[in-house]
């Protein structure tokens, strides 16, 4: 069961505006602060959850106050369960099927594209990484499933992102190497993989 029926993401180019907007949206409606803070390129990222009405009300307040500092945003009024869990940090195992990797320049664009892909196809969201420092503020999402489903998912995501400056790239691997699927299950962050190797855990 989803903890939050709705989720919203707001990215701002100003850290000061980001903190100010965070305070304002928390005061506007009874919502949960999933996470907020600075990310790469001097941006500020806010992720909130709660009832559809409350999240929408708080989001509109942030957009009104943030104005020109708002880089990107998205509102998921009935967030897909897989997107919900991925935003909260959950990963799922990558199986020996086709894999797709979607890379965007903003978090909000990737989250919305993931929602569209998952609601329109039968794919699994293996991982969703949001603006970590070594990613220069980018977001990536990794999908897994039958090749036709993965292709359809990327077509839907691509249609949404087409022409947007936030879009970077996507790639599909029809027959991933077994070692790669194990690495994707463990996570795509290099530092995590190196840490597990030092601890003696086999990751390849």
C-alpha atoms as a PDB file:
ATOM      1  CA  UNK A   1       0.000   0.000   0.000  1.00  0.00           C
ATOM      2  CA  UNK A   2       1.306   3.455  -0.897  1.00  0.00           C
ATOM      3  CA  UNK A   3       2.246   5.690   2.004  1.00  0.00           C
ATOM      4  CA  UNK A   4       1.526   8.793  -0.084  1.00  0.00           C
ATOM      5  CA  UNK A   5      -1.339   8.870  -2.626  1.00  0.00           C
ATOM      6  CA  UNK A   6       0.289  11.826  -4.395  1.00  0.00           C
ATOM      7  CA  UNK A   7       3.844  13.064  -4.805  1.00  0.00           C
ATOM      8  CA  UNK A   8       5.292  16.296  -6.183  1.00  0.00           C
ATOM      9  CA  UNK A   9       8.828  17.296  -7.129  1.00  0.00           C
ATOM     10  CA  UNK A  10      10.121  20.865  -7.387  1.00  0.00           C
ATOM     11  CA  UNK A  11      13.608  21.880  -8.520  1.00  0.00           C
ATOM     12  CA  UNK A  12      14.888  25.407  -8.086  1.00  0.00           C
ATOM     13  CA  UNK A  13      18.024  27.133  -9.341  1.00  0.00           C
ATOM     14  CA  UNK A  14      18.325  29.192  -6.134  1.00  0.00           C
ATOM     15  CA  UNK A  15      19.156  27.545  -2.805  1.00  0.00           C
ATOM     16  CA  UNK A  16      17.790  30.494  -0.850  1.00  0.00           C
ATOM     17  CA  UNK A  17      14.512  30.386  -2.785  1.00  0.00           C
ATOM     18  CA  UNK A  18      14.401  26.629  -2.337  1.00  0.00           C
ATOM     19  CA  UNK A  19      14.584  26.825   1.446  1.00  0.00           C
ATOM     20  CA  UNK A  20      12.088  29.699   1.483  1.00  0.00           C
ATOM     21  CA  UNK A  21       9.663  27.720  -0.723  1.00  0.00           C
ATOM     22  CA  UNK A  22      10.067  24.649   1.460  1.00  0.00           C
ATOM     23  CA  UNK A  23       8.897  26.584   4.486  1.00  0.00           C
ATOM     24  CA  UNK A  24       5.991  28.101   2.565  1.00  0.00           C
ATOM     25  CA  UNK A  25       4.686  24.823   1.138  1.00  0.00           C
ATOM     26  CA  UNK A  26       4.918  23.110   4.541  1.00  0.00           C
ATOM     27  CA  UNK A  27       2.803  25.883   6.046  1.00  0.00           C
ATOM     28  CA  UNK A  28       0.304  25.879   3.181  1.00  0.00           C
ATOM     29  CA  UNK A  29      -1.189  22.388   3.604  1.00  0.00           C
ATOM     30  CA  UNK A  30      -0.742  19.207   5.671  1.00  0.00           C
ATOM     31  CA  UNK A  31       1.853  17.390   3.557  1.00  0.00           C
ATOM     32  CA  UNK A  32       4.882  15.208   4.331  1.00  0.00           C
ATOM     33  CA  UNK A  33       8.391  16.349   3.508  1.00  0.00           C
ATOM     34  CA  UNK A  34       9.909  13.274   1.872  1.00  0.00           C
ATOM     35  CA  UNK A  35      13.201  15.048   1.268  1.00  0.00           C
ATOM     36  CA  UNK A  36      14.595  18.470   0.481  1.00  0.00           C
ATOM     37  CA  UNK A  37      18.074  19.887   0.147  1.00  0.00           C
ATOM     38  CA  UNK A  38      20.874  21.041  -2.094  1.00  0.00           C
ATOM     39  CA  UNK A  39      21.943  19.039  -5.141  1.00  0.00           C
ATOM     40  CA  UNK A  40      24.581  19.534  -7.821  1.00  0.00           C
ATOM     41  CA  UNK A  41      24.925  22.749  -9.844  1.00  0.00           C
ATOM     42  CA  UNK A  42      23.696  24.836  -6.922  1.00  0.00           C
ATOM     43  CA  UNK A  43      20.139  23.584  -7.264  1.00  0.00           C
ATOM     44  CA  UNK A  44      17.604  22.876  -4.523  1.00  0.00           C
ATOM     45  CA  UNK A  45      15.350  19.812  -4.727  1.00  0.00           C
ATOM     46  CA  UNK A  46      12.057  19.334  -2.886  1.00  0.00           C
ATOM     47  CA  UNK A  47      10.025  16.101  -2.828  1.00  0.00           C
ATOM     48  CA  UNK A  48       6.704  16.073  -0.953  1.00  0.00           C
ATOM     49  CA  UNK A  49       3.906  13.565  -0.480  1.00  0.00           C
ATOM     50  CA  UNK A  50       0.404  13.371   0.910  1.00  0.00           C
ATOM     51  CA  UNK A  51      -3.199  13.565  -0.215  1.00  0.00           C
ATOM     52  CA  UNK A  52      -3.813  14.725  -3.767  1.00  0.00           C
ATOM     53  CA  UNK A  53      -5.463  17.987  -2.691  1.00  0.00           C
ATOM     54  CA  UNK A  54      -2.831  18.865  -0.096  1.00  0.00           C
ATOM     55  CA  UNK A  55       0.132  18.132  -2.356  1.00  0.00           C
ATOM     56  CA  UNK A  56      -1.398  20.134  -5.194  1.00  0.00           C
ATOM     57  CA  UNK A  57      -2.091  23.088  -2.897  1.00  0.00           C
ATOM     58  CA  UNK A  58       1.455  23.093  -1.525  1.00  0.00           C
ATOM     59  CA  UNK A  59       2.957  22.690  -4.988  1.00  0.00           C
ATOM     60  CA  UNK A  60       1.031  25.670  -6.332  1.00  0.00           C
ATOM     61  CA  UNK A  61       2.261  27.738  -3.395  1.00  0.00           C
ATOM     62  CA  UNK A  62       5.873  26.788  -4.141  1.00  0.00           C
ATOM     63  CA  UNK A  63       5.486  27.615  -7.831  1.00  0.00           C
ATOM     64  CA  UNK A  64       3.938  30.990  -7.046  1.00  0.00           C
ATOM     65  CA  UNK A  65       6.693  31.912  -4.604  1.00  0.00           C
ATOM     66  CA  UNK A  66       9.608  30.374  -6.501  1.00  0.00           C
ATOM     67  CA  UNK A  67       8.577  31.841  -9.860  1.00  0.00           C
ATOM     68  CA  UNK A  68      11.669  32.360 -12.029  1.00  0.00           C
ATOM     69  CA  UNK A  69      13.825  30.173  -9.766  1.00  0.00           C
ATOM     70  CA  UNK A  70      11.719  27.085 -10.553  1.00  0.00           C
ATOM     71  CA  UNK A  71      13.753  24.965 -12.954  1.00  0.00           C
ATOM     72  CA  UNK A  72      11.304  22.079 -13.300  1.00  0.00           C
ATOM     73  CA  UNK A  73       8.467  20.424 -11.415  1.00  0.00           C
ATOM     74  CA  UNK A  74       6.020  17.549 -11.634  1.00  0.00           C
ATOM     75  CA  UNK A  75       2.839  16.511  -9.857  1.00  0.00           C
ATOM     76  CA  UNK A  76       1.755  12.857  -9.642  1.00  0.00           C
ATOM     77  CA  UNK A  77      -1.813  12.881  -8.253  1.00  0.00           C
ATOM     78  CA  UNK A  78      -2.120   9.082  -8.281  1.00  0.00           C
ATOM     79  CA  UNK A  79       1.521   8.058  -8.194  1.00  0.00           C
ATOM     80  CA  UNK A  80       2.346   4.637  -9.635  1.00  0.00           C
ATOM     81  CA  UNK A  81       3.343   2.218  -6.824  1.00  0.00           C
ATOM     82  CA  UNK A  82       6.731   1.486  -8.409  1.00  0.00           C
ATOM     83  CA  UNK A  83       7.558   5.175  -8.777  1.00  0.00           C
ATOM     84  CA  UNK A  84       6.397   5.746  -5.200  1.00  0.00           C
ATOM     85  CA  UNK A  85       8.722   3.040  -3.868  1.00  0.00           C
ATOM     86  CA  UNK A  86      11.643   4.108  -6.060  1.00  0.00           C
ATOM     87  CA  UNK A  87      11.397   7.717  -4.874  1.00  0.00           C
ATOM     88  CA  UNK A  88      11.551   6.386  -1.311  1.00  0.00           C
ATOM     89  CA  UNK A  89      14.802   4.606  -2.208  1.00  0.00           C
ATOM     90  CA  UNK A  90      13.700   1.072  -3.023  1.00  0.00           C
ATOM     91  CA  UNK A  91      15.350  -0.934  -5.812  1.00  0.00           C
ATOM     92  CA  UNK A  92      14.124  -4.183  -7.359  1.00  0.00           C
ATOM     93  CA  UNK A  93      16.251  -7.016  -8.798  1.00  0.00           C
ATOM     94  CA  UNK A  94      17.225  -6.758 -12.458  1.00  0.00           C
ATOM     95  CA  UNK A  95      16.394  -9.985 -14.261  1.00  0.00           C
ATOM     96  CA  UNK A  96      17.918 -11.463 -17.423  1.00  0.00           C
ATOM     97  CA  UNK A  97      15.598  -9.522 -19.738  1.00  0.00           C
ATOM     98  CA  UNK A  98      15.881  -6.312 -21.727  1.00  0.00           C
ATOM     99  CA  UNK A  99      17.113  -3.202 -19.911  1.00  0.00           C
ATOM    100  CA  UNK A 100      16.529   0.483 -20.632  1.00  0.00           C
ATOM    101  CA  UNK A 101      18.326   3.439 -19.100  1.00  0.00           C
ATOM    102  CA  UNK A 102      16.712   6.887 -19.234  1.00  0.00           C
ATOM    103  CA  UNK A 103      18.846   9.944 -18.458  1.00  0.00           C
ATOM    104  CA  UNK A 104      17.465  13.456 -17.999  1.00  0.00           C
ATOM    105  CA  UNK A 105      18.907  16.787 -16.945  1.00  0.00           C
ATOM    106  CA  UNK A 106      16.283  17.312 -14.225  1.00  0.00           C
ATOM    107  CA  UNK A 107      14.725  15.059 -11.621  1.00  0.00           C
ATOM    108  CA  UNK A 108      11.146  16.142 -12.279  1.00  0.00           C
ATOM    109  CA  UNK A 109      11.352  15.208 -15.969  1.00  0.00           C
ATOM    110  CA  UNK A 110      12.629  11.722 -15.181  1.00  0.00           C
ATOM    111  CA  UNK A 111      10.078  11.084 -12.451  1.00  0.00           C
ATOM    112  CA  UNK A 112       7.226  12.112 -14.761  1.00  0.00           C
ATOM    113  CA  UNK A 113       8.619  10.060 -17.647  1.00  0.00           C
ATOM    114  CA  UNK A 114       8.905   7.027 -15.349  1.00  0.00           C
ATOM    115  CA  UNK A 115       5.287   7.450 -14.313  1.00  0.00           C
ATOM    116  CA  UNK A 116       4.157   7.575 -17.947  1.00  0.00           C
ATOM    117  CA  UNK A 117       6.281   4.562 -18.925  1.00  0.00           C
ATOM    118  CA  UNK A 118       5.082   2.419 -16.031  1.00  0.00           C
ATOM    119  CA  UNK A 119       1.404   3.275 -16.369  1.00  0.00           C
ATOM    120  CA  UNK A 120       1.498   2.481 -20.086  1.00  0.00           C
ATOM    121  CA  UNK A 121       3.521  -0.753 -20.139  1.00  0.00           C
ATOM    122  CA  UNK A 122       4.425  -3.871 -18.198  1.00  0.00           C
ATOM    123  CA  UNK A 123       7.991  -3.030 -17.184  1.00  0.00           C
ATOM    124  CA  UNK A 124       9.756  -2.965 -13.840  1.00  0.00           C
ATOM    125  CA  UNK A 125      11.483   0.110 -12.448  1.00  0.00           C
ATOM    126  CA  UNK A 126      14.789  -1.260 -11.170  1.00  0.00           C
ATOM    127  CA  UNK A 127      16.200   1.996  -9.857  1.00  0.00           C
ATOM    128  CA  UNK A 128      15.555   5.732  -9.786  1.00  0.00           C
ATOM    129  CA  UNK A 129      18.459   8.016  -8.892  1.00  0.00           C
ATOM    130  CA  UNK A 130      17.756  11.650  -8.175  1.00  0.00           C
ATOM    131  CA  UNK A 131      20.367  14.396  -8.658  1.00  0.00           C
ATOM    132  CA  UNK A 132      23.182  12.837  -6.663  1.00  0.00           C
ATOM    133  CA  UNK A 133      26.365  14.895  -6.465  1.00  0.00           C
ATOM    134  CA  UNK A 134      28.421  12.798  -8.852  1.00  0.00           C
ATOM    135  CA  UNK A 135      25.604  13.037 -11.415  1.00  0.00           C
ATOM    136  CA  UNK A 136      25.766  16.840 -11.869  1.00  0.00           C
ATOM    137  CA  UNK A 137      22.107  17.179 -10.990  1.00  0.00           C
ATOM    138  CA  UNK A 138      20.906  14.653 -13.565  1.00  0.00           C
ATOM    139  CA  UNK A 139      18.446  11.840 -12.909  1.00  0.00           C
ATOM    140  CA  UNK A 140      18.460   8.307 -14.267  1.00  0.00           C
ATOM    141  CA  UNK A 141      15.920   5.528 -14.218  1.00  0.00           C
ATOM    142  CA  UNK A 142      16.557   1.882 -15.099  1.00  0.00           C
ATOM    143  CA  UNK A 143      13.818  -0.368 -16.510  1.00  0.00           C
ATOM    144  CA  UNK A 144      13.629  -4.127 -16.995  1.00  0.00           C
ATOM    145  CA  UNK A 145      11.249  -6.449 -18.829  1.00  0.00           C
ATOM    146  CA  UNK A 146      10.471  -8.083 -22.131  1.00  0.00           C
ATOM    147  CA  UNK A 147      12.056  -6.277 -25.060  1.00  0.00           C
ATOM    148  CA  UNK A 148       8.772  -5.167 -26.649  1.00  0.00           C
ATOM    149  CA  UNK A 149       7.580  -3.759 -23.309  1.00  0.00           C
ATOM    150  CA  UNK A 150      10.851  -1.933 -22.668  1.00  0.00           C
ATOM    151  CA  UNK A 151      10.777  -0.471 -26.178  1.00  0.00           C
ATOM    152  CA  UNK A 152       7.187   0.674 -25.680  1.00  0.00           C
ATOM    153  CA  UNK A 153       8.088   2.222 -22.323  1.00  0.00           C
ATOM    154  CA  UNK A 154      10.905   4.242 -23.860  1.00  0.00           C
ATOM    155  CA  UNK A 155       8.680   5.326 -26.722  1.00  0.00           C
ATOM    156  CA  UNK A 156       6.141   6.689 -24.247  1.00  0.00           C
ATOM    157  CA  UNK A 157       8.841   8.389 -22.192  1.00  0.00           C
ATOM    158  CA  UNK A 158      10.448   9.767 -25.352  1.00  0.00           C
ATOM    159  CA  UNK A 159       7.152  11.192 -26.594  1.00  0.00           C
ATOM    160  CA  UNK A 160       6.759  13.055 -23.317  1.00  0.00           C
ATOM    161  CA  UNK A 161      10.349  14.320 -23.298  1.00  0.00           C
ATOM    162  CA  UNK A 162      10.569  15.137 -27.011  1.00  0.00           C
ATOM    163  CA  UNK A 163      11.591  18.740 -27.493  1.00  0.00           C
ATOM    164  CA  UNK A 164      12.168  19.383 -23.793  1.00  0.00           C
ATOM    165  CA  UNK A 165      15.576  20.736 -22.825  1.00  0.00           C
ATOM    166  CA  UNK A 166      15.592  18.383 -19.817  1.00  0.00           C
ATOM    167  CA  UNK A 167      15.912  15.302 -22.040  1.00  0.00           C
ATOM    168  CA  UNK A 168      19.387  13.838 -22.404  1.00  0.00           C
ATOM    169  CA  UNK A 169      19.439  10.254 -23.635  1.00  0.00           C
ATOM    170  CA  UNK A 170      18.063   6.756 -23.401  1.00  0.00           C
ATOM    171  CA  UNK A 171      19.508   3.399 -24.350  1.00  0.00           C
ATOM    172  CA  UNK A 172      18.012  -0.081 -24.645  1.00  0.00           C
ATOM    173  CA  UNK A 173      20.007  -3.289 -24.154  1.00  0.00           C
ATOM    174  CA  UNK A 174      18.088  -6.199 -25.624  1.00  0.00           C
ATOM    175  CA  UNK A 175      20.300  -8.955 -24.228  1.00  0.00           C
ATOM    176  CA  UNK A 176      22.283  -7.654 -21.231  1.00  0.00           C
ATOM    177  CA  UNK A 177      25.310  -9.565 -20.008  1.00  0.00           C
ATOM    178  CA  UNK A 178      24.623 -11.559 -16.863  1.00  0.00           C
ATOM    179  CA  UNK A 179      27.295  -9.636 -14.968  1.00  0.00           C
ATOM    180  CA  UNK A 180      25.618  -6.355 -15.896  1.00  0.00           C
ATOM    181  CA  UNK A 181      22.233  -7.464 -14.559  1.00  0.00           C
ATOM    182  CA  UNK A 182      23.906  -8.354 -11.258  1.00  0.00           C
ATOM    183  CA  UNK A 183      25.525  -4.913 -11.127  1.00  0.00           C
ATOM    184  CA  UNK A 184      22.221  -3.212 -11.914  1.00  0.00           C
ATOM    185  CA  UNK A 185      20.549  -5.174  -9.122  1.00  0.00           C
ATOM    186  CA  UNK A 186      23.259  -3.945  -6.744  1.00  0.00           C
ATOM    187  CA  UNK A 187      22.854  -0.359  -7.977  1.00  0.00           C
ATOM    188  CA  UNK A 188      24.490   1.894 -10.549  1.00  0.00           C
ATOM    189  CA  UNK A 189      26.423   4.080  -8.108  1.00  0.00           C
ATOM    190  CA  UNK A 190      30.134   3.321  -8.532  1.00  0.00           C
ATOM    191  CA  UNK A 191      31.088   4.264  -4.967  1.00  0.00           C
ATOM    192  CA  UNK A 192      28.614   1.731  -3.567  1.00  0.00           C
ATOM    193  CA  UNK A 193      30.034  -1.026  -5.774  1.00  0.00           C
ATOM    194  CA  UNK A 194      33.610  -0.224  -4.724  1.00  0.00           C
ATOM    195  CA  UNK A 195      32.599  -0.234  -1.057  1.00  0.00           C
ATOM    196  CA  UNK A 196      31.047  -3.694  -1.377  1.00  0.00           C
ATOM    197  CA  UNK A 197      34.167  -4.980  -3.152  1.00  0.00           C
ATOM    198  CA  UNK A 198      36.333  -3.740  -0.294  1.00  0.00           C
ATOM    199  CA  UNK A 199      34.068  -5.558   2.143  1.00  0.00           C
ATOM    200  CA  UNK A 200      34.634  -8.763   0.194  1.00  0.00           C
ATOM    201  CA  UNK A 201      31.189  -9.032  -1.409  1.00  0.00           C
ATOM    202  CA  UNK A 202      31.168 -10.376  -4.961  1.00  0.00           C
ATOM    203  CA  UNK A 203      29.467  -7.881  -7.276  1.00  0.00           C
ATOM    204  CA  UNK A 204      30.520  -9.095 -10.718  1.00  0.00           C
END
